[in-house]
Amino acid sequence: MNVPIDITGVVLNTERLTLRPWCQDDLDDLYEYASVAGVGEMAGWNAHTSIDESRKILDMFINGKKTFAIEFSGKVIGSLGIEEYPERHFPEYERLRCRELGFVLAKPYWGRGLIAEAVRAVLKWLFEDIGLDTVFCAHFVENAQSARVQEKLGFSHIGFYDSTPPIGEVKRINARVLTKPMYFNRC
């Protein structure tokens, strides 16, 4: 089952990053990375075409209280959301405390291990502080970068399903999970 998540007041620090709730001052940074072609499409949304579009997404992040801003050297370079997993596709998890991670990173920061670092910090918080049993993570089958990150972090494949993201075309999704025992065995 999807458990409620509220990141109000939560700040997670890693060696290079700060993960924190979004604020209105982050608008320019969000627009800067979200307006670059190829960034959002990897996660299922089109590049932002206006600052107003980014403002709507920022308001959604702030009001939703489930998406971290990923800050590097004082600049927001991405987001990491703790989303609801698709319960209808995985009824065998209905008695467990679960959520799904989704993330995006500005193009200039790809290939530096920053997303893996951010996800590790959020996994620690979700398993050790929140007490989740399972964390889902999924990616479009053609998204090799996300696949590598998830494999590196120990997520195991559990199935495929089709979804229609905001970009409008049906996409094949590779779903993966990391259970609490799997997480603690990797520590």
N, C-alpha and C. Protein backbone atom coordinates (compact mmCIF):
# COMPACT_ATOMS: atom_id res chain seq x y z
N MET A 1 0.83 -1.18 0.00
CA MET A 1 0.00 0.00 0.00
C MET A 1 0.88 1.24 0.00
N ASN A 2 0.39 2.27 -0.60
CA ASN A 2 1.09 3.54 -0.59
C ASN A 2 0.87 4.23 0.76
N VAL A 3 1.95 4.55 1.43
CA VAL A 3 1.84 5.24 2.71
C VAL A 3 1.97 6.74 2.50
N PRO A 4 1.36 7.54 3.35
CA PRO A 4 1.49 9.00 3.22
C PRO A 4 2.95 9.44 3.44
N ILE A 5 3.35 10.43 2.69
CA ILE A 5 4.70 11.00 2.82
C ILE A 5 4.57 12.51 2.93
N ASP A 6 5.33 13.10 3.83
CA ASP A 6 5.38 14.56 3.97
C ASP A 6 6.83 14.93 4.30
N ILE A 7 7.49 15.63 3.39
CA ILE A 7 8.91 15.98 3.60
C ILE A 7 9.08 17.36 4.24
N THR A 8 8.01 17.95 4.72
CA THR A 8 8.10 19.26 5.36
C THR A 8 9.20 19.24 6.42
N GLY A 9 10.13 20.15 6.31
CA GLY A 9 11.20 20.28 7.29
C GLY A 9 12.32 19.25 7.19
N VAL A 10 12.24 18.34 6.23
CA VAL A 10 13.26 17.29 6.09
C VAL A 10 14.38 17.81 5.19
N VAL A 11 15.60 17.73 5.69
CA VAL A 11 16.79 18.09 4.91
C VAL A 11 17.77 16.93 5.05
N LEU A 12 18.18 16.39 3.90
CA LEU A 12 19.14 15.29 3.87
C LEU A 12 20.42 15.79 3.22
N ASN A 13 21.53 15.57 3.88
CA ASN A 13 22.82 16.00 3.35
C ASN A 13 23.67 14.79 3.02
N THR A 14 24.34 14.88 1.88
CA THR A 14 25.29 13.86 1.48
C THR A 14 26.65 14.56 1.34
N GLU A 15 27.61 13.83 0.85
CA GLU A 15 28.94 14.42 0.66
C GLU A 15 28.90 15.66 -0.24
N ARG A 16 28.09 15.58 -1.31
CA ARG A 16 28.07 16.68 -2.28
C ARG A 16 26.73 17.39 -2.42
N LEU A 17 25.68 16.85 -1.84
CA LEU A 17 24.33 17.34 -2.11
C LEU A 17 23.56 17.69 -0.85
N THR A 18 22.57 18.54 -1.05
CA THR A 18 21.54 18.78 -0.05
C THR A 18 20.21 18.48 -0.72
N LEU A 19 19.42 17.65 -0.08
CA LEU A 19 18.06 17.35 -0.54
C LEU A 19 17.12 18.01 0.44
N ARG A 20 16.23 18.83 -0.08
CA ARG A 20 15.36 19.63 0.79
C ARG A 20 14.06 19.93 0.06
N PRO A 21 13.04 20.38 0.81
CA PRO A 21 11.81 20.79 0.14
C PRO A 21 12.07 21.99 -0.78
N TRP A 22 11.27 22.08 -1.83
CA TRP A 22 11.36 23.19 -2.77
C TRP A 22 10.83 24.47 -2.13
N CYS A 23 11.31 25.62 -2.63
CA CYS A 23 10.79 26.92 -2.21
C CYS A 23 10.66 27.82 -3.44
N GLN A 24 9.94 28.91 -3.31
CA GLN A 24 9.69 29.80 -4.44
C GLN A 24 10.98 30.34 -5.05
N ASP A 25 12.03 30.49 -4.26
CA ASP A 25 13.31 31.00 -4.78
C ASP A 25 13.98 30.04 -5.77
N ASP A 26 13.47 28.82 -5.89
CA ASP A 26 14.07 27.81 -6.78
C ASP A 26 13.54 27.89 -8.21
N LEU A 27 12.65 28.83 -8.49
CA LEU A 27 11.99 28.88 -9.79
C LEU A 27 12.98 28.97 -10.96
N ASP A 28 13.94 29.87 -10.90
CA ASP A 28 14.87 30.04 -12.01
C ASP A 28 15.71 28.78 -12.24
N ASP A 29 16.15 28.14 -11.17
CA ASP A 29 16.93 26.91 -11.31
C ASP A 29 16.09 25.80 -11.94
N LEU A 30 14.83 25.68 -11.51
CA LEU A 30 13.94 24.67 -12.08
C LEU A 30 13.76 24.91 -13.58
N TYR A 31 13.45 26.13 -13.94
CA TYR A 31 13.24 26.44 -15.36
C TYR A 31 14.52 26.19 -16.17
N GLU A 32 15.67 26.51 -15.59
CA GLU A 32 16.93 26.33 -16.31
C GLU A 32 17.15 24.88 -16.73
N TYR A 33 16.92 23.93 -15.82
CA TYR A 33 17.16 22.55 -16.21
C TYR A 33 15.95 21.91 -16.89
N ALA A 34 14.73 22.33 -16.52
CA ALA A 34 13.54 21.71 -17.08
C ALA A 34 13.23 22.17 -18.50
N SER A 35 13.86 23.26 -18.94
CA SER A 35 13.61 23.76 -20.29
C SER A 35 14.59 23.19 -21.32
N VAL A 36 15.49 22.35 -20.89
CA VAL A 36 16.48 21.75 -21.79
C VAL A 36 15.90 20.48 -22.41
N ALA A 37 15.92 20.41 -23.72
CA ALA A 37 15.43 19.23 -24.43
C ALA A 37 16.22 17.99 -24.01
N GLY A 38 15.50 16.90 -23.80
CA GLY A 38 16.14 15.64 -23.45
C GLY A 38 16.15 15.34 -21.97
N VAL A 39 15.89 16.33 -21.12
CA VAL A 39 15.89 16.10 -19.68
C VAL A 39 14.56 15.50 -19.25
N GLY A 40 13.48 16.23 -19.45
CA GLY A 40 12.17 15.76 -19.03
C GLY A 40 11.67 14.56 -19.80
N GLU A 41 12.03 14.49 -21.05
CA GLU A 41 11.57 13.38 -21.88
C GLU A 41 12.00 12.03 -21.32
N MET A 42 13.14 11.99 -20.64
CA MET A 42 13.61 10.75 -20.03
C MET A 42 12.68 10.31 -18.89
N ALA A 43 11.92 11.28 -18.34
CA ALA A 43 11.00 10.99 -17.24
C ALA A 43 9.53 11.05 -17.68
N GLY A 44 9.29 11.36 -18.95
CA GLY A 44 7.94 11.33 -19.45
C GLY A 44 7.24 12.65 -19.63
N TRP A 45 7.97 13.75 -19.47
CA TRP A 45 7.36 15.07 -19.67
C TRP A 45 8.20 15.89 -20.64
N ASN A 46 7.53 16.80 -21.34
CA ASN A 46 8.20 17.65 -22.32
C ASN A 46 8.96 18.78 -21.64
N ALA A 47 9.98 19.27 -22.33
CA ALA A 47 10.75 20.41 -21.83
C ALA A 47 9.80 21.59 -21.60
N HIS A 48 10.05 22.31 -20.52
CA HIS A 48 9.23 23.49 -20.21
C HIS A 48 9.48 24.57 -21.27
N THR A 49 8.41 25.21 -21.70
CA THR A 49 8.53 26.24 -22.73
C THR A 49 8.35 27.65 -22.18
N SER A 50 8.06 27.77 -20.88
CA SER A 50 7.91 29.09 -20.28
C SER A 50 8.18 29.02 -18.78
N ILE A 51 8.52 30.14 -18.21
CA ILE A 51 8.73 30.23 -16.76
C ILE A 51 7.42 29.96 -16.03
N ASP A 52 6.29 30.32 -16.65
CA ASP A 52 4.99 30.06 -16.03
C ASP A 52 4.72 28.56 -15.90
N GLU A 53 5.14 27.80 -16.89
CA GLU A 53 5.00 26.35 -16.81
C GLU A 53 5.82 25.81 -15.64
N SER A 54 7.04 26.29 -15.50
CA SER A 54 7.88 25.87 -14.37
C SER A 54 7.28 26.32 -13.04
N ARG A 55 6.66 27.49 -13.01
CA ARG A 55 6.03 27.98 -11.78
C ARG A 55 4.91 27.03 -11.34
N LYS A 56 4.12 26.53 -12.28
CA LYS A 56 3.04 25.59 -11.94
C LYS A 56 3.61 24.30 -11.36
N ILE A 57 4.68 23.81 -11.96
CA ILE A 57 5.32 22.59 -11.45
C ILE A 57 5.93 22.85 -10.07
N LEU A 58 6.57 24.00 -9.90
CA LEU A 58 7.15 24.36 -8.59
C LEU A 58 6.06 24.39 -7.52
N ASP A 59 4.94 25.02 -7.84
CA ASP A 59 3.82 25.06 -6.88
C ASP A 59 3.34 23.65 -6.55
N MET A 60 3.29 22.78 -7.55
CA MET A 60 2.90 21.39 -7.32
C MET A 60 3.90 20.70 -6.38
N PHE A 61 5.20 20.92 -6.62
CA PHE A 61 6.23 20.34 -5.74
C PHE A 61 6.06 20.84 -4.31
N ILE A 62 5.88 22.14 -4.16
CA ILE A 62 5.76 22.72 -2.82
C ILE A 62 4.51 22.22 -2.11
N ASN A 63 3.38 22.26 -2.78
CA ASN A 63 2.12 21.86 -2.17
C ASN A 63 2.01 20.36 -1.96
N GLY A 64 2.66 19.57 -2.82
CA GLY A 64 2.60 18.12 -2.70
C GLY A 64 3.39 17.57 -1.53
N LYS A 65 4.43 18.28 -1.10
CA LYS A 65 5.25 17.91 0.06
C LYS A 65 5.84 16.50 -0.03
N LYS A 66 6.20 16.10 -1.28
CA LYS A 66 6.77 14.77 -1.46
C LYS A 66 7.93 14.75 -2.45
N THR A 67 8.38 15.94 -2.87
CA THR A 67 9.45 16.02 -3.86
C THR A 67 10.60 16.86 -3.33
N PHE A 68 11.78 16.25 -3.29
CA PHE A 68 12.98 16.96 -2.84
C PHE A 68 13.60 17.75 -3.99
N ALA A 69 14.09 18.93 -3.68
CA ALA A 69 14.98 19.66 -4.58
C ALA A 69 16.37 19.09 -4.33
N ILE A 70 17.11 18.81 -5.40
CA ILE A 70 18.49 18.33 -5.29
C ILE A 70 19.39 19.54 -5.51
N GLU A 71 20.11 19.92 -4.46
CA GLU A 71 20.95 21.12 -4.51
C GLU A 71 22.43 20.72 -4.51
N PHE A 72 23.17 21.33 -5.42
CA PHE A 72 24.61 21.08 -5.56
C PHE A 72 25.29 22.44 -5.61
N SER A 73 26.19 22.70 -4.70
CA SER A 73 26.92 23.98 -4.65
C SER A 73 25.97 25.19 -4.69
N GLY A 74 24.87 25.11 -3.93
CA GLY A 74 23.94 26.22 -3.82
C GLY A 74 22.96 26.37 -4.97
N LYS A 75 22.96 25.44 -5.92
CA LYS A 75 22.08 25.51 -7.09
C LYS A 75 21.23 24.24 -7.15
N VAL A 76 19.93 24.41 -7.45
CA VAL A 76 19.06 23.25 -7.62
C VAL A 76 19.30 22.68 -9.01
N ILE A 77 19.65 21.40 -9.05
CA ILE A 77 20.01 20.75 -10.32
C ILE A 77 19.10 19.58 -10.67
N GLY A 78 18.08 19.35 -9.86
CA GLY A 78 17.18 18.25 -10.14
C GLY A 78 16.15 18.07 -9.06
N SER A 79 15.36 17.01 -9.22
CA SER A 79 14.32 16.70 -8.24
C SER A 79 14.27 15.20 -8.00
N LEU A 80 13.79 14.84 -6.82
CA LEU A 80 13.62 13.44 -6.47
C LEU A 80 12.28 13.34 -5.74
N GLY A 81 11.31 12.73 -6.42
CA GLY A 81 9.97 12.61 -5.86
C GLY A 81 9.72 11.25 -5.25
N ILE A 82 8.94 11.25 -4.18
CA ILE A 82 8.52 10.02 -3.52
C ILE A 82 7.06 9.83 -3.90
N GLU A 83 6.86 9.13 -5.00
CA GLU A 83 5.56 9.02 -5.65
C GLU A 83 4.79 7.80 -5.17
N GLU A 84 3.51 7.75 -5.53
CA GLU A 84 2.73 6.54 -5.29
C GLU A 84 3.08 5.50 -6.35
N TYR A 85 3.30 4.28 -5.93
CA TYR A 85 3.56 3.21 -6.90
C TYR A 85 2.22 2.73 -7.46
N PRO A 86 2.21 2.13 -8.64
CA PRO A 86 0.95 1.69 -9.25
C PRO A 86 0.44 0.39 -8.62
N GLU A 87 -0.36 0.54 -7.58
CA GLU A 87 -0.84 -0.61 -6.81
C GLU A 87 -1.56 -1.64 -7.67
N ARG A 88 -2.28 -1.19 -8.70
CA ARG A 88 -3.06 -2.14 -9.52
C ARG A 88 -2.16 -3.14 -10.25
N HIS A 89 -0.93 -2.74 -10.54
CA HIS A 89 -0.01 -3.64 -11.24
C HIS A 89 0.69 -4.62 -10.30
N PHE A 90 0.73 -4.29 -9.02
CA PHE A 90 1.48 -5.11 -8.07
C PHE A 90 0.68 -5.36 -6.80
N PRO A 91 -0.44 -6.08 -6.91
CA PRO A 91 -1.30 -6.31 -5.74
C PRO A 91 -0.62 -7.12 -4.64
N GLU A 92 0.43 -7.83 -4.98
CA GLU A 92 1.12 -8.64 -3.97
C GLU A 92 1.80 -7.79 -2.89
N TYR A 93 1.88 -6.48 -3.12
CA TYR A 93 2.52 -5.58 -2.15
C TYR A 93 1.50 -4.82 -1.31
N GLU A 94 0.20 -5.16 -1.42
CA GLU A 94 -0.84 -4.38 -0.78
C GLU A 94 -0.75 -4.36 0.74
N ARG A 95 -0.12 -5.32 1.34
CA ARG A 95 -0.01 -5.34 2.81
C ARG A 95 1.29 -4.71 3.32
N LEU A 96 2.13 -4.26 2.39
CA LEU A 96 3.41 -3.68 2.77
C LEU A 96 3.37 -2.16 2.64
N ARG A 97 4.23 -1.49 3.39
CA ARG A 97 4.36 -0.03 3.35
C ARG A 97 5.32 0.33 2.21
N CYS A 98 4.80 0.96 1.16
CA CYS A 98 5.57 1.18 -0.06
C CYS A 98 5.42 2.61 -0.59
N ARG A 99 6.37 3.00 -1.43
CA ARG A 99 6.32 4.19 -2.27
C ARG A 99 7.23 3.94 -3.46
N GLU A 100 7.22 4.88 -4.42
CA GLU A 100 8.07 4.78 -5.61
C GLU A 100 8.88 6.05 -5.77
N LEU A 101 10.13 5.91 -6.17
CA LEU A 101 10.99 7.06 -6.41
C LEU A 101 11.01 7.42 -7.89
N GLY A 102 11.04 8.72 -8.14
CA GLY A 102 11.21 9.24 -9.49
C GLY A 102 12.19 10.39 -9.42
N PHE A 103 13.07 10.49 -10.41
CA PHE A 103 14.10 11.53 -10.32
C PHE A 103 14.45 12.08 -11.68
N VAL A 104 14.98 13.30 -11.66
CA VAL A 104 15.46 13.95 -12.87
C VAL A 104 16.65 14.83 -12.48
N LEU A 105 17.59 14.96 -13.39
CA LEU A 105 18.81 15.71 -13.13
C LEU A 105 19.16 16.56 -14.33
N ALA A 106 19.64 17.77 -14.07
CA ALA A 106 20.07 18.67 -15.15
C ALA A 106 21.18 18.01 -15.96
N LYS A 107 21.12 18.20 -17.27
CA LYS A 107 22.05 17.55 -18.20
C LYS A 107 23.54 17.76 -17.87
N PRO A 108 23.97 18.96 -17.49
CA PRO A 108 25.41 19.13 -17.23
C PRO A 108 25.94 18.28 -16.07
N TYR A 109 25.03 17.69 -15.29
CA TYR A 109 25.44 16.93 -14.11
C TYR A 109 25.30 15.42 -14.30
N TRP A 110 24.89 15.00 -15.49
CA TRP A 110 24.78 13.57 -15.77
C TRP A 110 26.16 12.91 -15.71
N GLY A 111 26.19 11.66 -15.31
CA GLY A 111 27.42 10.87 -15.34
C GLY A 111 28.38 11.11 -14.19
N ARG A 112 27.95 11.83 -13.17
CA ARG A 112 28.82 12.12 -12.02
C ARG A 112 28.45 11.34 -10.76
N GLY A 113 27.45 10.47 -10.85
CA GLY A 113 27.03 9.69 -9.68
C GLY A 113 26.16 10.47 -8.71
N LEU A 114 25.67 11.64 -9.11
CA LEU A 114 24.90 12.48 -8.20
C LEU A 114 23.51 11.91 -7.91
N ILE A 115 22.86 11.35 -8.92
CA ILE A 115 21.53 10.77 -8.67
C ILE A 115 21.64 9.58 -7.74
N ALA A 116 22.62 8.72 -7.95
CA ALA A 116 22.80 7.57 -7.06
C ALA A 116 23.04 8.05 -5.63
N GLU A 117 23.82 9.10 -5.47
CA GLU A 117 24.10 9.66 -4.14
C GLU A 117 22.80 10.18 -3.50
N ALA A 118 21.99 10.88 -4.28
CA ALA A 118 20.72 11.41 -3.78
C ALA A 118 19.76 10.28 -3.41
N VAL A 119 19.65 9.29 -4.28
CA VAL A 119 18.73 8.18 -4.03
C VAL A 119 19.16 7.42 -2.78
N ARG A 120 20.45 7.20 -2.59
CA ARG A 120 20.93 6.51 -1.38
C ARG A 120 20.46 7.23 -0.12
N ALA A 121 20.57 8.55 -0.12
CA ALA A 121 20.16 9.33 1.06
C ALA A 121 18.66 9.20 1.31
N VAL A 122 17.87 9.23 0.25
CA VAL A 122 16.42 9.12 0.40
C VAL A 122 16.04 7.70 0.82
N LEU A 123 16.70 6.69 0.28
CA LEU A 123 16.43 5.31 0.69
C LEU A 123 16.72 5.13 2.19
N LYS A 124 17.82 5.67 2.64
CA LYS A 124 18.16 5.59 4.07
C LYS A 124 17.05 6.19 4.91
N TRP A 125 16.58 7.37 4.52
CA TRP A 125 15.50 8.04 5.25
C TRP A 125 14.21 7.21 5.21
N LEU A 126 13.86 6.70 4.02
CA LEU A 126 12.61 5.96 3.87
C LEU A 126 12.61 4.64 4.64
N PHE A 127 13.72 3.91 4.60
CA PHE A 127 13.77 2.63 5.29
C PHE A 127 14.05 2.78 6.78
N GLU A 128 14.97 3.65 7.14
CA GLU A 128 15.40 3.74 8.53
C GLU A 128 14.56 4.68 9.38
N ASP A 129 14.07 5.76 8.81
CA ASP A 129 13.29 6.72 9.59
C ASP A 129 11.78 6.58 9.39
N ILE A 130 11.35 6.39 8.17
CA ILE A 130 9.92 6.29 7.86
C ILE A 130 9.41 4.87 8.05
N GLY A 131 10.28 3.88 7.87
CA GLY A 131 9.89 2.49 8.10
C GLY A 131 9.17 1.82 6.93
N LEU A 132 9.52 2.22 5.71
CA LEU A 132 8.93 1.54 4.56
C LEU A 132 9.44 0.10 4.47
N ASP A 133 8.61 -0.75 3.85
CA ASP A 133 9.00 -2.14 3.61
C ASP A 133 9.61 -2.32 2.23
N THR A 134 9.12 -1.52 1.26
CA THR A 134 9.56 -1.68 -0.13
C THR A 134 9.54 -0.32 -0.82
N VAL A 135 10.56 -0.09 -1.64
CA VAL A 135 10.60 1.11 -2.46
C VAL A 135 10.67 0.66 -3.92
N PHE A 136 9.75 1.17 -4.71
CA PHE A 136 9.72 0.91 -6.14
C PHE A 136 10.54 1.96 -6.87
N CYS A 137 11.03 1.62 -8.02
CA CYS A 137 11.66 2.57 -8.92
C CYS A 137 11.45 1.99 -10.32
N ALA A 138 11.08 2.83 -11.26
CA ALA A 138 10.77 2.34 -12.60
C ALA A 138 11.41 3.26 -13.63
N HIS A 139 11.51 2.74 -14.85
CA HIS A 139 12.07 3.55 -15.93
C HIS A 139 11.51 3.05 -17.25
N PHE A 140 11.49 3.94 -18.24
CA PHE A 140 11.14 3.51 -19.59
C PHE A 140 12.19 2.50 -20.03
N VAL A 141 11.77 1.47 -20.74
CA VAL A 141 12.72 0.42 -21.11
C VAL A 141 13.90 0.97 -21.91
N GLU A 142 13.71 2.05 -22.65
CA GLU A 142 14.80 2.62 -23.44
C GLU A 142 15.73 3.55 -22.64
N ASN A 143 15.42 3.80 -21.38
CA ASN A 143 16.22 4.72 -20.57
C ASN A 143 17.34 3.95 -19.86
N ALA A 144 18.42 3.74 -20.57
CA ALA A 144 19.55 2.96 -20.04
C ALA A 144 20.22 3.63 -18.85
N GLN A 145 20.22 4.96 -18.81
CA GLN A 145 20.85 5.66 -17.69
C GLN A 145 20.14 5.36 -16.37
N SER A 146 18.80 5.45 -16.37
CA SER A 146 18.05 5.13 -15.15
C SER A 146 18.19 3.66 -14.79
N ALA A 147 18.21 2.81 -15.79
CA ALA A 147 18.39 1.38 -15.53
C ALA A 147 19.70 1.14 -14.78
N ARG A 148 20.78 1.77 -15.25
CA ARG A 148 22.09 1.60 -14.59
C ARG A 148 22.07 2.08 -13.15
N VAL A 149 21.46 3.24 -12.92
CA VAL A 149 21.38 3.77 -11.55
C VAL A 149 20.64 2.80 -10.65
N GLN A 150 19.50 2.32 -11.12
CA GLN A 150 18.70 1.43 -10.30
C GLN A 150 19.40 0.10 -10.03
N GLU A 151 20.07 -0.44 -11.03
CA GLU A 151 20.82 -1.68 -10.83
C GLU A 151 21.95 -1.47 -9.84
N LYS A 152 22.66 -0.37 -9.99
CA LYS A 152 23.78 -0.03 -9.11
C LYS A 152 23.33 0.06 -7.64
N LEU A 153 22.10 0.53 -7.43
CA LEU A 153 21.58 0.70 -6.08
C LEU A 153 20.90 -0.55 -5.54
N GLY A 154 20.87 -1.63 -6.34
CA GLY A 154 20.34 -2.90 -5.86
C GLY A 154 18.88 -3.16 -6.12
N PHE A 155 18.21 -2.32 -6.92
CA PHE A 155 16.81 -2.57 -7.25
C PHE A 155 16.72 -3.80 -8.16
N SER A 156 15.73 -4.65 -7.90
CA SER A 156 15.53 -5.87 -8.68
C SER A 156 14.30 -5.75 -9.56
N HIS A 157 14.41 -6.25 -10.79
CA HIS A 157 13.30 -6.24 -11.74
C HIS A 157 12.16 -7.10 -11.22
N ILE A 158 10.92 -6.57 -11.31
CA ILE A 158 9.75 -7.37 -10.92
C ILE A 158 8.70 -7.46 -12.01
N GLY A 159 8.85 -6.69 -13.07
CA GLY A 159 7.86 -6.80 -14.13
C GLY A 159 7.84 -5.60 -15.05
N PHE A 160 7.02 -5.71 -16.08
CA PHE A 160 6.82 -4.64 -17.05
C PHE A 160 5.34 -4.26 -17.06
N TYR A 161 5.06 -3.03 -17.40
CA TYR A 161 3.69 -2.60 -17.65
C TYR A 161 3.73 -1.41 -18.60
N ASP A 162 2.60 -1.10 -19.18
CA ASP A 162 2.50 0.05 -20.08
C ASP A 162 1.88 1.22 -19.35
N SER A 163 2.33 2.42 -19.69
CA SER A 163 1.82 3.64 -19.08
C SER A 163 1.80 4.75 -20.12
N THR A 164 0.93 5.72 -19.92
CA THR A 164 0.88 6.89 -20.80
C THR A 164 1.27 8.11 -19.99
N PRO A 165 2.54 8.53 -20.08
CA PRO A 165 3.01 9.70 -19.34
C PRO A 165 2.50 10.99 -19.98
N PRO A 166 2.78 12.14 -19.36
CA PRO A 166 2.32 13.43 -19.90
C PRO A 166 2.73 13.70 -21.35
N ILE A 167 3.81 13.08 -21.83
CA ILE A 167 4.19 13.32 -23.23
C ILE A 167 3.21 12.68 -24.20
N GLY A 168 2.31 11.81 -23.69
CA GLY A 168 1.19 11.36 -24.48
C GLY A 168 1.32 10.04 -25.22
N GLU A 169 2.50 9.50 -25.35
CA GLU A 169 2.63 8.22 -26.06
C GLU A 169 2.78 7.09 -25.05
N VAL A 170 2.20 5.95 -25.36
CA VAL A 170 2.29 4.79 -24.47
C VAL A 170 3.75 4.35 -24.40
N LYS A 171 4.21 4.13 -23.18
CA LYS A 171 5.60 3.72 -22.95
C LYS A 171 5.61 2.41 -22.16
N ARG A 172 6.58 1.58 -22.47
CA ARG A 172 6.80 0.34 -21.72
C ARG A 172 7.67 0.67 -20.52
N ILE A 173 7.22 0.25 -19.34
CA ILE A 173 7.89 0.56 -18.07
C ILE A 173 8.54 -0.70 -17.52
N ASN A 174 9.78 -0.57 -17.08
CA ASN A 174 10.48 -1.64 -16.38
C ASN A 174 10.40 -1.29 -14.89
N ALA A 175 9.67 -2.09 -14.13
CA ALA A 175 9.49 -1.84 -12.70
C ALA A 175 10.49 -2.64 -11.89
N ARG A 176 11.01 -1.98 -10.86
CA ARG A 176 11.99 -2.61 -9.98
C ARG A 176 11.64 -2.30 -8.53
N VAL A 177 12.12 -3.13 -7.62
CA VAL A 177 11.91 -2.89 -6.20
C VAL A 177 13.20 -3.09 -5.42
N LEU A 178 13.21 -2.44 -4.28
CA LEU A 178 14.24 -2.65 -3.27
C LEU A 178 13.47 -2.85 -1.97
N THR A 179 13.59 -4.03 -1.38
CA THR A 179 12.90 -4.32 -0.13
C THR A 179 13.80 -3.93 1.05
N LYS A 180 13.19 -3.83 2.21
CA LYS A 180 13.96 -3.49 3.41
C LYS A 180 15.09 -4.50 3.65
N PRO A 181 14.85 -5.83 3.57
CA PRO A 181 15.97 -6.77 3.74
C PRO A 181 17.06 -6.59 2.68
N MET A 182 16.67 -6.33 1.44
CA MET A 182 17.66 -6.10 0.39
C MET A 182 18.50 -4.86 0.72
N TYR A 183 17.83 -3.82 1.20
CA TYR A 183 18.53 -2.58 1.56
C TYR A 183 19.54 -2.84 2.68
N PHE A 184 19.09 -3.49 3.75
CA PHE A 184 19.99 -3.69 4.88
C PHE A 184 21.09 -4.69 4.57
N ASN A 185 20.88 -5.61 3.65
CA ASN A 185 21.95 -6.52 3.23
C ASN A 185 23.03 -5.82 2.44
N ARG A 186 22.69 -4.68 1.80
CA ARG A 186 23.67 -3.92 1.00
C ARG A 186 24.47 -2.94 1.85
N CYS A 187 23.98 -2.62 3.03
CA CYS A 187 24.66 -1.63 3.90
C CYS A 187 25.96 -2.16 4.46
